[in-house]
Amino acid sequence: MYQYDPIDQRLVDDRVAQFRDQVKRRLADDLSEEEFRPLRLQNGLYLQRHAYMLRVAIPYGLFNSQQLRVLGHIAQKYDRGYGHFTTRQNIQFNWLALEDTPEILAELATVQMHAIQTSGNCIRNITSDPFAGVASDEIVDPRVVCELLRQWSTLHPEFAYLPRKFKIAVCASKEDRAIVAAHDVGLFLKKNNQGELVADVLVGGGMGRTPILGVIIKKDLPWQELPNYLSAVLRVYNRFGRRDNMYKARIKILVKALGPEEFARQVEAEYQHWLGSDSTFTPAEWQRVAQFFVKPAYLKLESLSDETILASAGSDRAEFSRWLERNVKAHQVPGYASVVLSLKPHGTVAPGDVTTEQMLAIADLADEFSFGQIRATHEQNLVLADVEQSKLYSLWKKAKEQQLALPNIGYLTDIIACPGGDFCSLANAKSIPIANDIQKRFDDLDYLHDLGDITLNISGCMNSCGHHHVGNIGILGVDKDGQEWYQVTLGGAQGIEAAIGKVIGPSFFAEDMPDVISKVIDVYVEKREPSEKFVDTVHRIGIAPFKERVYAEVKRA
């Protein structure tokens, strides 16, 4: 993974010192909250419902065991003993005192971490495939491009005050594990016929109150030209994006208003001023960054069959087999596998929450089994990407001791959820209790196995931090006369075949939600064809049968 040079470290250290002085002035009332707000947001600090929340950047989801130990220490010393992994490969601390935040940032800086540009109307944390560099379906390794773009976008003076926040996602595999089409800019990296690295550029995606999937406006852009073309995109957005209405300020609204063809024409015209400019990425820059993404010291091993791996499990064979099927993913290198650690214990904690004890244990597991590295996923789980197949059983036993081995990856209870009204001052309704109640209702792993792959996403408000629009089942918290209600969508999907879910009808009370989901699942079980996934059934029969069943049988709807 990328290592700071002295310039990087100096920048982050200076930022900490600057913020320390700003906090000191705020605590002395030399700065009003109105004056302090833009300063704290530039450092990822939010004032939430009950306390300050700090969002720490994990660039493209990659971090190491030393960093995770510091995160665990911060959770224990300054928070309430846990952190929350988000849908954008960041981690948040929800219960901070303002006076502690400079010291927290200083401790993060000692392990090359920060919270710069995790909030505000700027280019946010660039996200990517959590299996980058190891995925069996990978076309190219996207991490060098992600890091080059991260460095290009960090504290970029021209793009520090955009009309609204701006999110970039990068994918370089056959399966899209970065939800590229749902971002302001999405990049698909690939090789052209000459074997050169190029990108297809999508613009205008996003969720929120107006969910839209991005469209390709540029094909086969040479990787060297990425900063130039993206500068052109951002200049057009900066010039014409709405600043009078925050709900219409995202680039997706501008693309929709102009039309994709006209937007692309204006970007292309602006791009001609940037083509081949000083900001062009060079082979020397590539090599400077690429040296930090070399393959680890893999052993020369033979690939093991599942039967061989299971032979070591003895009486644990059945339970271990289920975990092997759901939580273990194919690897590029023979004899290795990638492992997903589930942060979704049924009905007990918020999806994505991890305790200090678990963080320290995961750091130890990373050192023992995966070259000391960890990945954060969009689904709010963690990945150990480089595990020897012969050690999977040993890893499983140790992960199970920390309640990190639930074999529900991709199942209905692998729920994605924002913190919701329990923490967020923007939320209309709570997300965590709804997730917990649904997990408790569907606590039978045999039944989940029979249902197969189903994604369920929950957002506490229209900001859609839980990505409910692209969940096969989406749940949105809404406010009606001071009461919490929940709207349901069906048919959303992420990946190459991304889709926005459709609302089935009027919203429901919180206590009705497990019954609502049960009725939706009942229709699926009755109507599905052999081996048909839930989302495919919804797309085949439409939402009408689900709507009819739910509103006929959930009495309080």
Protein backbone atom coordinates (compact mmCIF):
# COMPACT_ATOMS: atom_id res chain seq x y z
CA MET A 1 0.00 0.00 0.00
CA TYR A 2 1.06 3.60 -0.53
CA GLN A 3 3.55 5.07 1.96
CA TYR A 4 3.76 8.79 2.74
CA ASP A 5 6.86 10.66 1.66
CA PRO A 6 8.13 13.62 3.76
CA ILE A 7 5.93 16.05 1.83
CA ASP A 8 2.81 13.98 2.49
CA GLN A 9 3.62 13.71 6.18
CA ARG A 10 4.37 17.41 6.52
CA LEU A 11 1.06 18.30 4.86
CA VAL A 12 -0.94 16.13 7.26
CA ASP A 13 1.03 17.25 10.32
CA ASP A 14 0.58 20.92 9.40
CA ARG A 15 -3.14 20.35 8.93
CA VAL A 16 -3.35 18.86 12.44
CA ALA A 17 -1.54 21.87 13.94
CA GLN A 18 -3.82 24.25 12.07
CA PHE A 19 -6.94 22.47 13.30
CA ARG A 20 -5.62 22.32 16.86
CA ASP A 21 -5.50 26.13 16.87
CA GLN A 22 -8.97 26.37 15.34
CA VAL A 23 -10.44 24.12 18.03
CA LYS A 24 -8.68 26.11 20.74
CA ARG A 25 -10.25 29.30 19.40
CA ARG A 26 -13.68 27.66 19.17
CA LEU A 27 -13.52 26.43 22.77
CA ALA A 28 -12.55 29.95 23.86
CA ASP A 29 -15.50 31.37 21.86
CA ASP A 30 -13.11 33.32 19.65
CA LEU A 31 -14.79 31.49 16.78
CA SER A 32 -18.56 31.16 16.56
CA GLU A 33 -20.11 27.82 15.53
CA GLU A 34 -21.01 29.41 12.20
CA GLU A 35 -17.37 30.39 11.63
CA PHE A 36 -16.06 27.06 12.90
CA ARG A 37 -18.40 24.84 10.88
CA PRO A 38 -16.58 25.05 7.49
CA LEU A 39 -13.24 24.57 9.27
CA ARG A 40 -14.28 21.39 11.06
CA LEU A 41 -15.97 19.98 7.97
CA GLN A 42 -12.69 20.37 6.08
CA ASN A 43 -11.28 17.98 8.66
CA GLY A 44 -14.12 15.45 8.53
CA LEU A 45 -15.74 16.55 11.79
CA TYR A 46 -19.55 16.66 12.00
CA LEU A 47 -21.79 17.80 14.83
CA GLN A 48 -24.34 14.99 15.10
CA ARG A 49 -27.40 14.46 17.23
CA HIS A 50 -25.57 13.71 20.48
CA ALA A 51 -21.87 14.40 19.93
CA TYR A 52 -19.21 15.13 17.35
CA MET A 53 -18.55 12.49 14.69
CA LEU A 54 -15.20 12.13 12.92
CA ARG A 55 -15.03 10.43 9.53
CA VAL A 56 -11.57 9.00 8.81
CA ALA A 57 -10.48 8.35 5.23
CA ILE A 58 -9.45 4.87 4.15
CA PRO A 59 -8.33 5.53 0.55
CA TYR A 60 -9.90 2.98 -1.80
CA GLY A 61 -10.56 0.83 1.28
CA LEU A 62 -6.96 -0.32 1.87
CA PHE A 63 -5.26 -0.12 5.28
CA ASN A 64 -2.91 -2.14 7.47
CA SER A 65 -2.75 -3.78 10.88
CA GLN A 66 -0.80 -0.94 12.49
CA GLN A 67 -3.43 1.56 11.36
CA LEU A 68 -6.25 -0.65 12.59
CA ARG A 69 -4.63 -0.91 16.02
CA VAL A 70 -4.51 2.88 16.24
CA LEU A 71 -8.17 3.04 15.20
CA GLY A 72 -8.97 0.55 17.94
CA HIS A 73 -7.03 2.64 20.46
CA ILE A 74 -8.93 5.79 19.40
CA ALA A 75 -12.23 3.96 19.78
CA GLN A 76 -11.31 2.88 23.30
CA LYS A 77 -9.74 6.13 24.53
CA TYR A 78 -11.93 8.77 22.92
CA ASP A 79 -15.17 7.03 21.85
CA ARG A 80 -17.31 4.27 23.37
CA GLY A 81 -15.15 1.32 22.40
CA TYR A 82 -16.19 0.86 18.78
CA GLY A 83 -16.04 2.38 15.29
CA HIS A 84 -18.41 2.25 12.34
CA PHE A 85 -17.34 1.26 8.81
CA THR A 86 -19.36 3.08 6.15
CA THR A 87 -20.54 2.36 2.63
CA ARG A 88 -17.73 4.54 1.26
CA GLN A 89 -14.82 2.60 2.73
CA ASN A 90 -14.33 5.05 5.62
CA ILE A 91 -14.58 4.59 9.37
CA GLN A 92 -16.53 6.90 11.69
CA PHE A 93 -16.31 7.60 15.41
CA ASN A 94 -19.66 8.79 16.72
CA TRP A 95 -19.16 9.94 20.33
CA LEU A 96 -16.28 12.40 20.40
CA ALA A 97 -15.64 15.48 22.52
CA LEU A 98 -14.54 18.50 20.52
CA GLU A 99 -11.50 19.12 22.70
CA ASP A 100 -10.16 15.62 21.91
CA THR A 101 -10.36 15.84 18.12
CA PRO A 102 -6.97 17.52 17.46
CA GLU A 103 -5.24 14.81 19.49
CA ILE A 104 -7.15 12.12 17.57
CA LEU A 105 -6.02 13.60 14.26
CA ALA A 106 -2.46 13.77 15.59
CA GLU A 107 -2.56 10.09 16.52
CA LEU A 108 -3.94 9.23 13.08
CA ALA A 109 -1.10 11.18 11.47
CA THR A 110 1.46 8.95 13.18
CA VAL A 111 0.19 6.03 11.06
CA GLN A 112 -0.37 8.01 7.84
CA MET A 113 -4.11 8.51 8.22
CA HIS A 114 -6.28 11.64 8.18
CA ALA A 115 -9.81 12.95 7.74
CA ILE A 116 -9.12 15.49 4.98
CA GLN A 117 -11.89 15.74 2.37
CA THR A 118 -14.16 13.20 4.04
CA SER A 119 -16.77 15.95 4.11
CA GLY A 120 -17.53 19.24 2.41
CA ASN A 121 -18.22 20.21 -1.19
CA CYS A 122 -15.05 18.73 -2.58
CA ILE A 123 -13.78 15.49 -4.11
CA ARG A 124 -14.40 12.90 -1.40
CA ASN A 125 -12.56 9.66 -0.64
CA ILE A 126 -11.99 7.79 -3.92
CA THR A 127 -13.42 4.30 -3.66
CA SER A 128 -12.72 1.08 -5.52
CA ASP A 129 -13.00 -2.70 -5.53
CA PRO A 130 -12.10 -4.12 -2.09
CA PHE A 131 -10.59 -7.11 -3.92
CA ALA A 132 -8.34 -4.93 -6.11
CA GLY A 133 -5.07 -6.66 -6.96
CA VAL A 134 -6.33 -10.14 -6.01
CA ALA A 135 -9.73 -10.65 -7.70
CA SER A 136 -9.85 -13.57 -10.10
CA ASP A 137 -11.89 -11.54 -12.61
CA GLU A 138 -9.65 -8.47 -12.54
CA ILE A 139 -8.64 -6.89 -15.86
CA VAL A 140 -6.02 -4.57 -14.39
CA ASP A 141 -5.08 -3.54 -10.85
CA PRO A 142 -6.84 -0.17 -10.26
CA ARG A 143 -4.96 0.85 -7.12
CA VAL A 144 -2.19 2.84 -8.82
CA VAL A 145 -4.79 4.90 -10.67
CA CYS A 146 -6.77 5.35 -7.45
CA GLU A 147 -3.71 6.62 -5.63
CA LEU A 148 -2.69 8.96 -8.45
CA LEU A 149 -6.21 10.41 -8.49
CA ARG A 150 -6.22 10.70 -4.70
CA GLN A 151 -3.03 12.73 -4.78
CA TRP A 152 -4.28 14.84 -7.69
CA SER A 153 -7.57 15.64 -5.94
CA THR A 154 -6.30 16.24 -2.38
CA LEU A 155 -6.51 19.95 -1.53
CA HIS A 156 -6.87 20.80 -5.23
CA PRO A 157 -7.47 24.56 -4.97
CA GLU A 158 -9.81 24.83 -7.97
CA PHE A 159 -12.10 22.06 -6.78
CA ALA A 160 -12.23 22.78 -3.05
CA TYR A 161 -15.62 24.57 -3.17
CA LEU A 162 -17.76 22.71 -5.69
CA PRO A 163 -21.53 23.20 -5.84
CA ARG A 164 -21.90 19.96 -3.84
CA LYS A 165 -19.91 16.95 -2.68
CA PHE A 166 -18.29 14.92 -5.46
CA LYS A 167 -17.63 11.17 -5.41
CA ILE A 168 -15.44 9.08 -7.71
CA ALA A 169 -15.44 5.27 -7.94
CA VAL A 170 -13.03 3.09 -9.92
CA CYS A 171 -13.57 -0.46 -11.23
CA ALA A 172 -11.19 -2.66 -13.21
CA SER A 173 -12.80 -6.09 -13.20
CA LYS A 174 -15.54 -7.96 -15.03
CA GLU A 175 -17.83 -7.65 -12.02
CA ASP A 176 -18.42 -4.14 -10.71
CA ARG A 177 -17.87 -4.20 -6.95
CA ALA A 178 -17.59 -0.40 -6.67
CA ILE A 179 -21.13 0.67 -7.73
CA VAL A 180 -19.49 2.79 -10.43
CA ALA A 181 -22.72 3.90 -12.09
CA ALA A 182 -24.07 5.37 -8.85
CA HIS A 183 -21.28 7.94 -8.47
CA ASP A 184 -20.75 11.48 -9.72
CA VAL A 185 -17.91 10.06 -11.82
CA GLY A 186 -17.31 6.38 -12.41
CA LEU A 187 -14.25 4.95 -14.14
CA PHE A 188 -14.05 1.54 -15.79
CA LEU A 189 -10.39 0.73 -16.41
CA LYS A 190 -9.50 -1.73 -19.16
CA LYS A 191 -6.94 -2.51 -21.87
CA ASN A 192 -7.51 -1.44 -25.48
CA ASN A 193 -6.60 -3.53 -28.52
CA GLN A 194 -3.02 -2.33 -28.28
CA GLY A 195 -2.76 -3.44 -24.65
CA GLU A 196 -2.76 0.14 -23.35
CA LEU A 197 -4.55 1.14 -20.15
CA VAL A 198 -7.63 3.25 -20.87
CA ALA A 199 -10.82 4.26 -19.09
CA ASP A 200 -14.49 4.58 -19.91
CA VAL A 201 -15.81 7.61 -18.02
CA LEU A 202 -19.35 7.70 -16.61
CA VAL A 203 -20.79 10.95 -15.28
CA GLY A 204 -23.99 11.94 -13.52
CA GLY A 205 -24.72 9.02 -11.24
CA GLY A 206 -25.86 9.37 -7.67
CA MET A 207 -28.50 8.45 -5.15
CA GLY A 208 -30.17 10.87 -2.75
CA ARG A 209 -33.65 12.22 -3.42
CA THR A 210 -33.12 11.94 -7.20
CA PRO A 211 -31.46 8.57 -7.89
CA ILE A 212 -29.83 8.43 -11.33
CA LEU A 213 -27.38 6.04 -12.94
CA GLY A 214 -24.41 7.61 -14.68
CA VAL A 215 -23.87 7.50 -18.44
CA ILE A 216 -20.67 6.99 -20.42
CA ILE A 217 -19.55 10.27 -21.94
CA LYS A 218 -16.01 9.25 -22.91
CA LYS A 219 -14.67 5.90 -24.06
CA ASP A 220 -11.08 4.66 -24.15
CA LEU A 221 -9.52 7.69 -22.44
CA PRO A 222 -5.75 7.08 -22.01
CA TRP A 223 -4.91 6.77 -18.30
CA GLN A 224 -2.41 9.61 -18.58
CA GLU A 225 -5.25 11.99 -19.48
CA LEU A 226 -7.45 11.21 -16.50
CA PRO A 227 -6.59 14.38 -14.51
CA ASN A 228 -7.09 16.52 -17.60
CA TYR A 229 -10.43 15.05 -18.57
CA LEU A 230 -11.71 15.03 -14.98
CA SER A 231 -10.61 18.66 -14.64
CA ALA A 232 -12.74 19.44 -17.68
CA VAL A 233 -15.72 17.63 -16.13
CA LEU A 234 -15.28 19.51 -12.87
CA ARG A 235 -14.85 22.88 -14.57
CA VAL A 236 -18.14 22.48 -16.45
CA TYR A 237 -19.79 21.41 -13.20
CA ASN A 238 -18.21 24.26 -11.24
CA ARG A 239 -19.37 26.75 -13.85
CA PHE A 240 -22.96 25.61 -14.33
CA GLY A 241 -23.87 23.50 -11.27
CA ARG A 242 -26.71 24.84 -9.12
CA ARG A 243 -25.54 26.75 -6.05
CA ASP A 244 -28.92 28.24 -5.16
CA ASN A 245 -30.50 24.91 -4.13
CA MET A 246 -28.49 22.19 -2.38
CA TYR A 247 -31.04 19.56 -3.40
CA LYS A 248 -30.36 20.31 -7.06
CA ALA A 249 -26.64 20.95 -6.79
CA ARG A 250 -25.21 17.52 -7.61
CA ILE A 251 -23.69 17.00 -11.04
CA LYS A 252 -26.41 14.47 -11.91
CA ILE A 253 -28.95 17.30 -11.98
CA LEU A 254 -26.76 19.33 -14.36
CA VAL A 255 -26.24 16.33 -16.65
CA LYS A 256 -29.98 15.68 -16.67
CA ALA A 257 -30.79 19.33 -17.33
CA LEU A 258 -28.34 19.71 -20.21
CA GLY A 259 -28.72 16.17 -21.49
CA PRO A 260 -25.77 13.75 -21.57
CA GLU A 261 -24.85 14.61 -25.16
CA GLU A 262 -24.67 18.37 -24.55
CA PHE A 263 -22.85 17.87 -21.26
CA ALA A 264 -20.32 15.62 -23.00
CA ARG A 265 -19.90 18.23 -25.78
CA GLN A 266 -19.14 20.97 -23.28
CA VAL A 267 -16.68 18.75 -21.41
CA GLU A 268 -14.93 17.82 -24.63
CA ALA A 269 -14.58 21.49 -25.56
CA GLU A 270 -13.11 22.27 -22.14
CA TYR A 271 -10.89 19.20 -22.35
CA GLN A 272 -9.13 20.58 -25.42
CA HIS A 273 -7.64 23.27 -23.17
CA TRP A 274 -6.27 20.60 -20.81
CA LEU A 275 -5.13 17.95 -23.30
CA GLY A 276 -1.45 17.20 -22.72
CA SER A 277 -1.16 19.83 -19.98
CA ASP A 278 1.30 19.83 -17.09
CA SER A 279 -1.17 17.84 -14.99
CA THR A 280 -0.95 14.84 -17.35
CA PHE A 281 0.08 11.68 -15.54
CA THR A 282 3.51 10.46 -16.65
CA PRO A 283 5.20 7.04 -16.67
CA ALA A 284 7.57 8.37 -14.00
CA GLU A 285 4.61 9.24 -11.76
CA TRP A 286 3.16 5.79 -12.39
CA GLN A 287 6.41 4.14 -11.32
CA ARG A 288 6.69 6.37 -8.25
CA VAL A 289 3.33 5.13 -7.01
CA ALA A 290 3.35 1.60 -8.46
CA GLN A 291 6.34 0.59 -6.31
CA PHE A 292 3.99 0.53 -3.33
CA PHE A 293 1.58 -1.93 -4.98
CA VAL A 294 3.87 -4.81 -5.82
CA LYS A 295 2.60 -8.30 -5.07
CA PRO A 296 3.39 -9.59 -1.57
CA ALA A 297 5.79 -12.49 -1.08
CA TYR A 298 3.42 -15.24 -2.15
CA LEU A 299 4.58 -18.82 -1.71
CA LYS A 300 4.50 -21.23 -4.64
CA LEU A 301 1.52 -23.33 -3.71
CA GLU A 302 -0.90 -25.70 -5.36
CA SER A 303 -4.55 -24.77 -5.51
CA LEU A 304 -6.57 -26.84 -3.05
CA SER A 305 -10.01 -28.26 -3.72
CA ASP A 306 -12.83 -27.54 -1.32
CA GLU A 307 -12.77 -31.18 -0.29
CA THR A 308 -9.11 -30.96 0.66
CA ILE A 309 -9.71 -27.76 2.64
CA LEU A 310 -12.70 -29.32 4.42
CA ALA A 311 -10.74 -32.41 5.40
CA SER A 312 -9.04 -30.42 8.17
CA ALA A 313 -12.33 -29.40 9.80
CA GLY A 314 -13.31 -32.68 11.48
CA SER A 315 -16.53 -32.28 13.46
CA ASP A 316 -16.76 -28.63 12.35
CA ARG A 317 -17.10 -29.68 8.72
CA ALA A 318 -20.72 -28.62 8.15
CA GLU A 319 -20.36 -25.22 9.79
CA PHE A 320 -16.97 -24.54 8.21
CA SER A 321 -18.29 -25.61 4.80
CA ARG A 322 -21.03 -22.99 4.89
CA TRP A 323 -18.49 -20.27 5.76
CA LEU A 324 -16.18 -21.50 3.01
CA GLU A 325 -19.02 -21.16 0.52
CA ARG A 326 -20.19 -17.66 1.51
CA ASN A 327 -17.18 -15.83 2.97
CA VAL A 328 -14.24 -17.13 0.92
CA LYS A 329 -13.56 -15.71 -2.54
CA ALA A 330 -11.35 -16.85 -5.42
CA HIS A 331 -7.83 -15.41 -5.72
CA GLN A 332 -5.49 -14.73 -8.65
CA VAL A 333 -2.65 -16.72 -7.11
CA PRO A 334 -2.81 -20.54 -6.77
CA GLY A 335 -3.08 -21.70 -3.18
CA TYR A 336 -4.55 -18.44 -1.86
CA ALA A 337 -8.04 -17.08 -1.17
CA SER A 338 -9.66 -13.86 0.01
CA VAL A 339 -11.81 -13.92 3.16
CA VAL A 340 -14.69 -11.63 4.11
CA LEU A 341 -15.07 -11.01 7.84
CA SER A 342 -18.74 -10.33 8.55
CA LEU A 343 -19.56 -7.25 10.63
CA LYS A 344 -23.26 -8.22 10.64
CA PRO A 345 -24.01 -10.40 13.68
CA HIS A 346 -27.73 -11.05 13.68
CA GLY A 347 -29.73 -8.46 15.55
CA THR A 348 -27.09 -7.34 18.05
CA VAL A 349 -25.15 -4.33 16.67
CA ALA A 350 -25.35 -1.78 13.91
CA PRO A 351 -24.18 -3.13 10.52
CA GLY A 352 -20.55 -2.09 10.10
CA ASP A 353 -19.82 -1.62 13.80
CA VAL A 354 -16.63 -3.18 15.17
CA THR A 355 -15.37 -3.04 18.74
CA THR A 356 -11.88 -2.19 19.92
CA GLU A 357 -11.36 -5.82 20.92
CA GLN A 358 -12.39 -6.95 17.44
CA MET A 359 -10.16 -4.36 15.75
CA LEU A 360 -7.14 -5.56 17.69
CA ALA A 361 -8.03 -9.16 16.91
CA ILE A 362 -8.48 -8.43 13.20
CA ALA A 363 -5.11 -6.68 13.17
CA ASP A 364 -3.56 -9.83 14.63
CA LEU A 365 -5.36 -11.98 12.05
CA ALA A 366 -4.11 -9.73 9.26
CA ASP A 367 -0.53 -10.10 10.49
CA GLU A 368 -0.82 -13.86 10.86
CA PHE A 369 -2.77 -14.68 7.71
CA SER A 370 -2.72 -11.80 5.19
CA PHE A 371 0.57 -9.89 5.06
CA GLY A 372 -0.73 -7.34 7.58
CA GLN A 373 -3.29 -5.78 5.24
CA ILE A 374 -7.06 -5.29 5.48
CA ARG A 375 -9.71 -4.03 3.05
CA ALA A 376 -12.98 -2.23 3.85
CA THR A 377 -15.96 -3.05 1.61
CA HIS A 378 -18.95 -1.04 0.42
CA GLU A 379 -21.10 -3.62 2.19
CA GLN A 380 -19.59 -2.59 5.55
CA ASN A 381 -17.54 -5.74 6.03
CA LEU A 382 -13.77 -6.28 6.13
CA VAL A 383 -11.56 -8.43 3.90
CA LEU A 384 -8.33 -10.33 4.46
CA ALA A 385 -7.25 -10.56 0.84
CA ASP A 386 -4.28 -12.96 0.82
CA VAL A 387 -4.94 -16.07 2.92
CA GLU A 388 -3.29 -19.41 2.22
CA GLN A 389 -6.01 -21.96 1.52
CA SER A 390 -4.35 -24.44 3.88
CA LYS A 391 -4.83 -21.93 6.74
CA LEU A 392 -8.50 -21.14 6.13
CA TYR A 393 -9.75 -23.47 8.86
CA SER A 394 -7.37 -21.98 11.41
CA LEU A 395 -8.47 -18.46 10.43
CA TRP A 396 -12.13 -19.44 10.63
CA LYS A 397 -11.77 -20.72 14.19
CA LYS A 398 -10.06 -17.53 15.35
CA ALA A 399 -12.53 -15.26 13.52
CA LYS A 400 -15.42 -17.20 15.05
CA GLU A 401 -14.10 -16.45 18.55
CA GLN A 402 -14.52 -12.74 17.75
CA GLN A 403 -18.01 -13.18 16.20
CA LEU A 404 -16.62 -12.30 12.77
CA ALA A 405 -17.37 -15.55 10.96
CA LEU A 406 -21.12 -15.48 10.35
CA PRO A 407 -21.60 -17.11 6.92
CA ASN A 408 -24.19 -14.62 5.67
CA ILE A 409 -22.22 -12.68 3.05
CA GLY A 410 -24.62 -11.74 0.27
CA TYR A 411 -27.63 -13.04 2.15
CA LEU A 412 -30.66 -11.06 3.31
CA THR A 413 -29.13 -10.39 6.74
CA ASP A 414 -25.88 -8.97 5.32
CA ILE A 415 -27.69 -5.65 5.64
CA ILE A 416 -26.19 -2.32 4.61
CA ALA A 417 -27.39 0.53 6.83
CA CYS A 418 -26.43 4.07 7.69
CA PRO A 419 -26.27 5.12 11.39
CA GLY A 420 -29.72 6.72 10.98
CA GLY A 421 -31.62 8.65 13.63
CA ASP A 422 -29.73 7.09 16.51
CA PHE A 423 -26.80 9.33 15.60
CA CYS A 424 -27.28 11.48 12.51
CA SER A 425 -28.94 14.87 12.86
CA LEU A 426 -30.05 14.73 9.23
CA ALA A 427 -31.93 11.44 9.57
CA ASN A 428 -35.72 11.28 9.49
CA ALA A 429 -35.85 7.85 11.09
CA LYS A 430 -33.74 5.17 12.73
CA SER A 431 -31.99 2.53 10.63
CA ILE A 432 -30.24 0.30 13.16
CA PRO A 433 -33.35 -1.06 14.97
CA ILE A 434 -34.96 -1.89 11.63
CA ALA A 435 -31.86 -3.78 10.52
CA ASN A 436 -31.68 -5.64 13.83
CA ASP A 437 -35.37 -6.62 13.78
CA ILE A 438 -35.10 -7.98 10.24
CA GLN A 439 -31.93 -9.92 11.12
CA LYS A 440 -33.71 -11.48 14.10
CA ARG A 441 -36.68 -12.44 11.91
CA PHE A 442 -34.41 -14.17 9.38
CA ASP A 443 -31.97 -15.79 11.79
CA ASP A 444 -32.16 -19.27 10.21
CA LEU A 445 -29.05 -19.84 8.08
CA ASP A 446 -30.65 -22.83 6.36
CA TYR A 447 -33.53 -20.63 5.23
CA LEU A 448 -31.15 -17.86 4.13
CA HIS A 449 -29.21 -20.41 2.11
CA ASP A 450 -32.41 -21.48 0.39
CA LEU A 451 -33.29 -17.86 -0.44
CA GLY A 452 -29.86 -17.22 -1.98
CA ASP A 453 -28.40 -13.82 -2.82
CA ILE A 454 -30.54 -10.86 -1.70
CA THR A 455 -29.24 -7.40 -0.84
CA LEU A 456 -31.16 -5.27 1.65
CA ASN A 457 -30.11 -1.64 2.17
CA ILE A 458 -31.49 0.86 4.68
CA SER A 459 -31.17 4.66 4.73
CA GLY A 460 -32.45 6.93 7.48
CA CYS A 461 -33.10 9.84 5.10
CA MET A 462 -33.04 10.89 1.45
CA ASN A 463 -29.27 11.42 1.52
CA SER A 464 -29.15 7.66 0.92
CA CYS A 465 -25.98 6.89 2.86
CA GLY A 466 -27.27 3.31 3.10
CA HIS A 467 -27.54 3.12 -0.71
CA HIS A 468 -31.14 1.91 -0.44
CA HIS A 469 -31.88 2.76 -4.07
CA VAL A 470 -29.58 -0.01 -5.33
CA GLY A 471 -30.57 -2.66 -2.80
CA ASN A 472 -32.63 -5.57 -4.15
CA ILE A 473 -34.84 -4.51 -1.25
CA GLY A 474 -34.47 -0.89 -0.19
CA ILE A 475 -35.84 0.73 2.95
CA LEU A 476 -35.99 4.51 3.40
CA GLY A 477 -36.87 6.22 6.66
CA VAL A 478 -39.31 9.13 6.22
CA ASP A 479 -40.92 11.57 8.62
CA LYS A 480 -44.69 12.02 8.74
CA ASP A 481 -45.98 14.50 11.30
CA GLY A 482 -43.13 13.73 13.66
CA GLN A 483 -43.47 9.95 13.35
CA GLU A 484 -40.99 7.53 11.80
CA TRP A 485 -42.26 5.66 8.73
CA TYR A 486 -40.50 3.46 6.20
CA GLN A 487 -40.81 3.35 2.43
CA VAL A 488 -39.93 0.15 0.54
CA THR A 489 -38.38 -0.22 -2.91
CA LEU A 490 -37.81 -3.41 -4.87
CA GLY A 491 -35.62 -4.30 -7.83
CA GLY A 492 -32.53 -2.21 -7.18
CA ALA A 493 -29.15 -3.71 -8.03
CA GLN A 494 -25.49 -2.83 -8.01
CA GLY A 495 -22.79 -4.10 -10.33
CA ILE A 496 -22.59 -4.13 -14.11
CA GLU A 497 -26.40 -4.46 -14.29
CA ALA A 498 -27.02 -1.63 -11.83
CA ALA A 499 -30.65 -0.62 -11.35
CA ILE A 500 -32.69 1.79 -9.23
CA GLY A 501 -35.44 0.18 -7.16
CA LYS A 502 -39.12 1.09 -7.53
CA VAL A 503 -41.30 2.23 -4.62
CA ILE A 504 -44.06 -0.30 -3.94
CA GLY A 505 -46.46 2.15 -2.29
CA PRO A 506 -47.22 4.06 0.93
CA SER A 507 -44.82 3.75 3.85
CA PHE A 508 -45.05 1.52 6.93
CA PHE A 509 -44.66 1.79 10.69
CA ALA A 510 -41.34 0.63 12.14
CA GLU A 511 -42.90 -2.34 13.93
CA ASP A 512 -44.40 -3.57 10.64
CA MET A 513 -41.09 -3.83 8.78
CA PRO A 514 -40.20 -7.46 9.62
CA ASP A 515 -43.69 -8.52 8.47
CA VAL A 516 -43.36 -6.44 5.30
CA ILE A 517 -40.07 -8.11 4.40
CA SER A 518 -41.50 -11.54 5.26
CA LYS A 519 -44.40 -11.01 2.85
CA VAL A 520 -42.05 -9.82 0.12
CA ILE A 521 -39.93 -12.94 0.60
CA ASP A 522 -43.04 -15.16 0.60
CA VAL A 523 -43.96 -13.89 -2.87
CA TYR A 524 -40.45 -14.53 -4.11
CA VAL A 525 -40.47 -18.12 -2.81
CA GLU A 526 -43.82 -18.75 -4.50
CA LYS A 527 -43.03 -17.10 -7.83
CA ARG A 528 -39.33 -17.81 -8.45
CA GLU A 529 -38.17 -20.13 -11.15
CA PRO A 530 -35.48 -22.75 -10.45
CA SER A 531 -32.14 -21.09 -9.50
CA GLU A 532 -33.62 -17.61 -10.06
CA LYS A 533 -32.27 -14.86 -7.84
CA PHE A 534 -34.62 -12.52 -5.98
CA VAL A 535 -33.82 -9.47 -8.10
CA ASP A 536 -34.37 -11.42 -11.32
CA THR A 537 -37.78 -12.55 -10.08
CA VAL A 538 -38.71 -8.93 -9.31
CA HIS A 539 -37.62 -7.80 -12.76
CA ARG A 540 -39.51 -10.67 -14.41
CA ILE A 541 -42.88 -10.36 -12.64
CA GLY A 542 -42.76 -6.68 -11.62
CA ILE A 543 -43.59 -5.19 -8.24
CA ALA A 544 -47.38 -5.62 -8.47
CA PRO A 545 -47.56 -9.13 -6.88
CA PHE A 546 -45.35 -8.00 -4.00
CA LYS A 547 -47.36 -4.84 -3.49
CA GLU A 548 -50.65 -6.73 -3.51
CA ARG A 549 -49.48 -9.24 -0.91
CA VAL A 550 -47.91 -6.74 1.44
CA TYR A 551 -50.80 -4.28 1.55
CA ALA A 552 -53.37 -7.05 1.86
CA GLU A 553 -51.70 -8.80 4.80
CA VAL A 554 -49.78 -6.17 6.79
CA LYS A 555 -52.70 -4.70 8.68
CA ARG A 556 -51.14 -1.41 9.84
CA ALA A 557 -49.82 -0.43 6.38
